[in-house]
Amino acid sequence: MEEFELNFKKKGKGVDHLVMPILTLASFMYFFLPDKGYFIPFLSYIGAIGTYYIWIFIDRKKLNNSDDRKVRVFLGKVKTHPLIILALIMSSIAMALYAYRNYTNQEIGYGIVFTVLFIFLISMVIQSVRRNRKINNVNNK
């Protein structure tokens, strides 16, 4: 029987076993939590995506210290998982809606915070899509 291993040597195992359950749970929380608890799913999304990128960073550090460094370049060909991009899109839409709600309630400070978060998340989506397309173009040549 094969032992479960938490690393990115096998394609997508980290995303499948760690990030996806968190994103699924956070998506359900959007529907079942009251309006006052809207920040909990958002923090879950940020935590899952942050964990994913921290994991990549740690694996890259391990690769830099190992002997097979010249054999594989880790971050050179890593694509952002489409469900991560979908989670970022959902979070950015939620931040835009919260910004609109706060601006209409004359809560300008909260509106500015949510607008900045929206811009940050949507820029992550754009960068991820551009990176995935670039990797696809390189692989197709």
C-alpha atoms as a PDB file:
ATOM      1  CA  MET A   1       0.000   0.000   0.000  1.00  0.00           C
ATOM      2  CA  GLU A   2       1.346   3.407  -0.977  1.00  0.00           C
ATOM      3  CA  GLU A   3       1.992   5.838   1.846  1.00  0.00           C
ATOM      4  CA  PHE A   4       0.325   9.284   1.747  1.00  0.00           C
ATOM      5  CA  GLU A   5       2.913  11.963   1.060  1.00  0.00           C
ATOM      6  CA  LEU A   6       2.327  15.713   1.356  1.00  0.00           C
ATOM      7  CA  ASN A   7       4.420  17.241  -1.411  1.00  0.00           C
ATOM      8  CA  PHE A   8       4.074  18.520  -4.948  1.00  0.00           C
ATOM      9  CA  LYS A   9       6.116  15.806  -6.630  1.00  0.00           C
ATOM     10  CA  LYS A  10       2.881  14.123  -7.653  1.00  0.00           C
ATOM     11  CA  LYS A  11       0.749  16.512  -9.642  1.00  0.00           C
ATOM     12  CA  GLY A  12      -1.884  18.310  -7.624  1.00  0.00           C
ATOM     13  CA  LYS A  13      -1.849  16.133  -4.506  1.00  0.00           C
ATOM     14  CA  GLY A  14      -1.379  19.155  -2.278  1.00  0.00           C
ATOM     15  CA  VAL A  15      -4.275  20.963  -3.906  1.00  0.00           C
ATOM     16  CA  ASP A  16      -6.535  17.922  -3.882  1.00  0.00           C
ATOM     17  CA  HIS A  17      -5.972  16.929  -0.270  1.00  0.00           C
ATOM     18  CA  LEU A  18      -5.488  20.232   1.504  1.00  0.00           C
ATOM     19  CA  VAL A  19      -6.796  23.252  -0.350  1.00  0.00           C
ATOM     20  CA  MET A  20      -9.904  21.860  -2.045  1.00  0.00           C
ATOM     21  CA  PRO A  21     -11.704  20.747   1.157  1.00  0.00           C
ATOM     22  CA  ILE A  22     -11.086  24.173   2.680  1.00  0.00           C
ATOM     23  CA  LEU A  23     -12.425  25.947  -0.406  1.00  0.00           C
ATOM     24  CA  THR A  24     -15.472  23.681  -0.533  1.00  0.00           C
ATOM     25  CA  LEU A  25     -16.253  24.274   3.130  1.00  0.00           C
ATOM     26  CA  ALA A  26     -15.831  28.034   2.697  1.00  0.00           C
ATOM     27  CA  SER A  27     -18.207  28.010  -0.289  1.00  0.00           C
ATOM     28  CA  PHE A  28     -20.886  26.293   1.793  1.00  0.00           C
ATOM     29  CA  MET A  29     -20.321  28.786   4.603  1.00  0.00           C
ATOM     30  CA  TYR A  30     -21.194  31.660   2.251  1.00  0.00           C
ATOM     31  CA  PHE A  31     -24.702  30.239   1.936  1.00  0.00           C
ATOM     32  CA  PHE A  32     -25.358  29.159   5.522  1.00  0.00           C
ATOM     33  CA  LEU A  33     -23.772  31.855   7.682  1.00  0.00           C
ATOM     34  CA  PRO A  34     -25.707  35.012   8.577  1.00  0.00           C
ATOM     35  CA  ASP A  35     -24.650  38.351   7.125  1.00  0.00           C
ATOM     36  CA  LYS A  36     -22.595  39.204  10.210  1.00  0.00           C
ATOM     37  CA  GLY A  37     -20.321  36.190   9.606  1.00  0.00           C
ATOM     38  CA  TYR A  38     -19.335  37.060   6.044  1.00  0.00           C
ATOM     39  CA  PHE A  39     -15.672  37.460   6.963  1.00  0.00           C
ATOM     40  CA  ILE A  40     -15.279  33.774   7.986  1.00  0.00           C
ATOM     41  CA  PRO A  41     -15.515  32.304   4.438  1.00  0.00           C
ATOM     42  CA  PHE A  42     -13.283  35.084   3.143  1.00  0.00           C
ATOM     43  CA  LEU A  43     -10.617  34.299   5.741  1.00  0.00           C
ATOM     44  CA  SER A  44     -10.949  30.601   4.861  1.00  0.00           C
ATOM     45  CA  TYR A  45     -10.293  31.372   1.194  1.00  0.00           C
ATOM     46  CA  ILE A  46      -7.294  33.525   2.048  1.00  0.00           C
ATOM     47  CA  GLY A  47      -5.991  30.845   4.431  1.00  0.00           C
ATOM     48  CA  ALA A  48      -6.306  28.088   1.821  1.00  0.00           C
ATOM     49  CA  ILE A  49      -4.651  30.108  -0.922  1.00  0.00           C
ATOM     50  CA  GLY A  50      -1.962  31.331   1.467  1.00  0.00           C
ATOM     51  CA  THR A  51      -1.269  27.767   2.591  1.00  0.00           C
ATOM     52  CA  TYR A  52      -0.924  26.702  -1.034  1.00  0.00           C
ATOM     53  CA  TYR A  53       1.646  29.405  -1.845  1.00  0.00           C
ATOM     54  CA  ILE A  54       3.554  28.922   1.429  1.00  0.00           C
ATOM     55  CA  TRP A  55       3.733  25.236   0.619  1.00  0.00           C
ATOM     56  CA  ILE A  56       5.181  26.002  -2.807  1.00  0.00           C
ATOM     57  CA  PHE A  57       7.694  28.381  -1.217  1.00  0.00           C
ATOM     58  CA  ILE A  58       8.838  25.751   1.311  1.00  0.00           C
ATOM     59  CA  ASP A  59       9.142  23.109  -1.409  1.00  0.00           C
ATOM     60  CA  ARG A  60      11.190  25.531  -3.501  1.00  0.00           C
ATOM     61  CA  LYS A  61      13.532  26.146  -0.584  1.00  0.00           C
ATOM     62  CA  LYS A  62      13.983  22.378  -0.177  1.00  0.00           C
ATOM     63  CA  LEU A  63      14.721  22.103  -3.889  1.00  0.00           C
ATOM     64  CA  ASN A  64      17.367  24.834  -3.718  1.00  0.00           C
ATOM     65  CA  ASN A  65      19.157  22.907  -0.969  1.00  0.00           C
ATOM     66  CA  SER A  66      19.034  19.541  -2.740  1.00  0.00           C
ATOM     67  CA  ASP A  67      21.316  17.986  -5.345  1.00  0.00           C
ATOM     68  CA  ASP A  68      18.660  17.572  -8.071  1.00  0.00           C
ATOM     69  CA  ARG A  69      18.320  21.351  -8.380  1.00  0.00           C
ATOM     70  CA  LYS A  70      19.570  21.326 -11.969  1.00  0.00           C
ATOM     71  CA  VAL A  71      17.190  18.538 -12.936  1.00  0.00           C
ATOM     72  CA  ARG A  72      13.936  20.350 -12.264  1.00  0.00           C
ATOM     73  CA  VAL A  73      12.991  23.981 -11.879  1.00  0.00           C
ATOM     74  CA  PHE A  74       9.999  24.020  -9.569  1.00  0.00           C
ATOM     75  CA  LEU A  75       8.317  27.370 -10.016  1.00  0.00           C
ATOM     76  CA  GLY A  76       9.211  27.723 -13.678  1.00  0.00           C
ATOM     77  CA  LYS A  77       6.368  25.496 -14.870  1.00  0.00           C
ATOM     78  CA  VAL A  78       3.816  25.508 -12.056  1.00  0.00           C
ATOM     79  CA  LYS A  79       0.358  26.567 -13.149  1.00  0.00           C
ATOM     80  CA  THR A  80      -2.242  27.979 -10.802  1.00  0.00           C
ATOM     81  CA  HIS A  81      -5.019  25.451 -10.311  1.00  0.00           C
ATOM     82  CA  PRO A  82      -8.285  26.547 -12.002  1.00  0.00           C
ATOM     83  CA  LEU A  83     -10.276  26.061  -8.802  1.00  0.00           C
ATOM     84  CA  ILE A  84      -7.892  28.402  -6.991  1.00  0.00           C
ATOM     85  CA  ILE A  85      -8.597  30.985  -9.682  1.00  0.00           C
ATOM     86  CA  LEU A  86     -12.335  30.377  -9.260  1.00  0.00           C
ATOM     87  CA  ALA A  87     -12.012  30.889  -5.498  1.00  0.00           C
ATOM     88  CA  LEU A  88     -10.162  34.150  -6.098  1.00  0.00           C
ATOM     89  CA  ILE A  89     -12.898  35.314  -8.476  1.00  0.00           C
ATOM     90  CA  MET A  90     -15.615  34.478  -5.936  1.00  0.00           C
ATOM     91  CA  SER A  91     -13.728  36.285  -3.179  1.00  0.00           C
ATOM     92  CA  SER A  92     -13.157  39.351  -5.338  1.00  0.00           C
ATOM     93  CA  ILE A  93     -16.859  39.522  -6.248  1.00  0.00           C
ATOM     94  CA  ALA A  94     -17.762  39.239  -2.573  1.00  0.00           C
ATOM     95  CA  MET A  95     -15.336  42.048  -1.700  1.00  0.00           C
ATOM     96  CA  ALA A  96     -16.860  44.268  -4.406  1.00  0.00           C
ATOM     97  CA  LEU A  97     -20.364  43.606  -3.032  1.00  0.00           C
ATOM     98  CA  TYR A  98     -19.253  44.361   0.530  1.00  0.00           C
ATOM     99  CA  ALA A  99     -17.576  47.562  -0.672  1.00  0.00           C
ATOM    100  CA  TYR A 100     -20.789  48.631  -2.401  1.00  0.00           C
ATOM    101  CA  ARG A 101     -22.838  47.799   0.689  1.00  0.00           C
ATOM    102  CA  ASN A 102     -20.537  49.814   2.919  1.00  0.00           C
ATOM    103  CA  TYR A 103     -20.471  52.811   0.556  1.00  0.00           C
ATOM    104  CA  THR A 104     -24.273  52.866   0.454  1.00  0.00           C
ATOM    105  CA  ASN A 105     -24.384  52.760   4.278  1.00  0.00           C
ATOM    106  CA  GLN A 106     -21.982  55.743   4.387  1.00  0.00           C
ATOM    107  CA  GLU A 107     -19.226  53.597   5.955  1.00  0.00           C
ATOM    108  CA  ILE A 108     -16.442  54.983   3.798  1.00  0.00           C
ATOM    109  CA  GLY A 109     -13.539  53.419   5.728  1.00  0.00           C
ATOM    110  CA  TYR A 110     -14.878  49.877   5.345  1.00  0.00           C
ATOM    111  CA  GLY A 111     -15.714  50.613   1.720  1.00  0.00           C
ATOM    112  CA  ILE A 112     -12.139  51.636   1.006  1.00  0.00           C
ATOM    113  CA  VAL A 113     -10.761  48.512   2.707  1.00  0.00           C
ATOM    114  CA  PHE A 114     -13.020  46.209   0.690  1.00  0.00           C
ATOM    115  CA  THR A 115     -12.250  48.090  -2.523  1.00  0.00           C
ATOM    116  CA  VAL A 116      -8.509  47.606  -1.950  1.00  0.00           C
ATOM    117  CA  LEU A 117      -9.096  43.910  -1.231  1.00  0.00           C
ATOM    118  CA  PHE A 118     -11.145  43.623  -4.434  1.00  0.00           C
ATOM    119  CA  ILE A 119      -8.363  45.211  -6.483  1.00  0.00           C
ATOM    120  CA  PHE A 120      -5.750  42.952  -4.868  1.00  0.00           C
ATOM    121  CA  LEU A 121      -7.753  39.759  -5.484  1.00  0.00           C
ATOM    122  CA  ILE A 122      -8.727  40.622  -9.052  1.00  0.00           C
ATOM    123  CA  SER A 123      -5.081  41.432  -9.843  1.00  0.00           C
ATOM    124  CA  MET A 124      -4.134  37.975  -8.514  1.00  0.00           C
ATOM    125  CA  VAL A 125      -6.725  36.446 -10.865  1.00  0.00           C
ATOM    126  CA  ILE A 126      -5.375  38.362 -13.854  1.00  0.00           C
ATOM    127  CA  GLN A 127      -1.779  37.436 -13.021  1.00  0.00           C
ATOM    128  CA  SER A 128      -2.690  33.750 -12.566  1.00  0.00           C
ATOM    129  CA  VAL A 129      -4.537  33.578 -15.885  1.00  0.00           C
ATOM    130  CA  ARG A 130      -1.659  35.303 -17.697  1.00  0.00           C
ATOM    131  CA  ARG A 131       0.864  32.930 -16.111  1.00  0.00           C
ATOM    132  CA  ASN A 132      -1.191  29.856 -17.050  1.00  0.00           C
ATOM    133  CA  ARG A 133      -1.474  31.045 -20.659  1.00  0.00           C
ATOM    134  CA  LYS A 134       2.242  31.746 -20.812  1.00  0.00           C
ATOM    135  CA  ILE A 135       3.040  28.262 -19.513  1.00  0.00           C
ATOM    136  CA  ASN A 136       0.630  26.721 -22.044  1.00  0.00           C
ATOM    137  CA  ASN A 137       2.286  28.652 -24.885  1.00  0.00           C
ATOM    138  CA  VAL A 138       5.745  27.498 -23.803  1.00  0.00           C
ATOM    139  CA  ASN A 139       4.597  23.875 -23.509  1.00  0.00           C
ATOM    140  CA  ASN A 140       2.920  23.924 -26.949  1.00  0.00           C
ATOM    141  CA  LYS A 141       6.053  25.108 -28.778  1.00  0.00           C
END
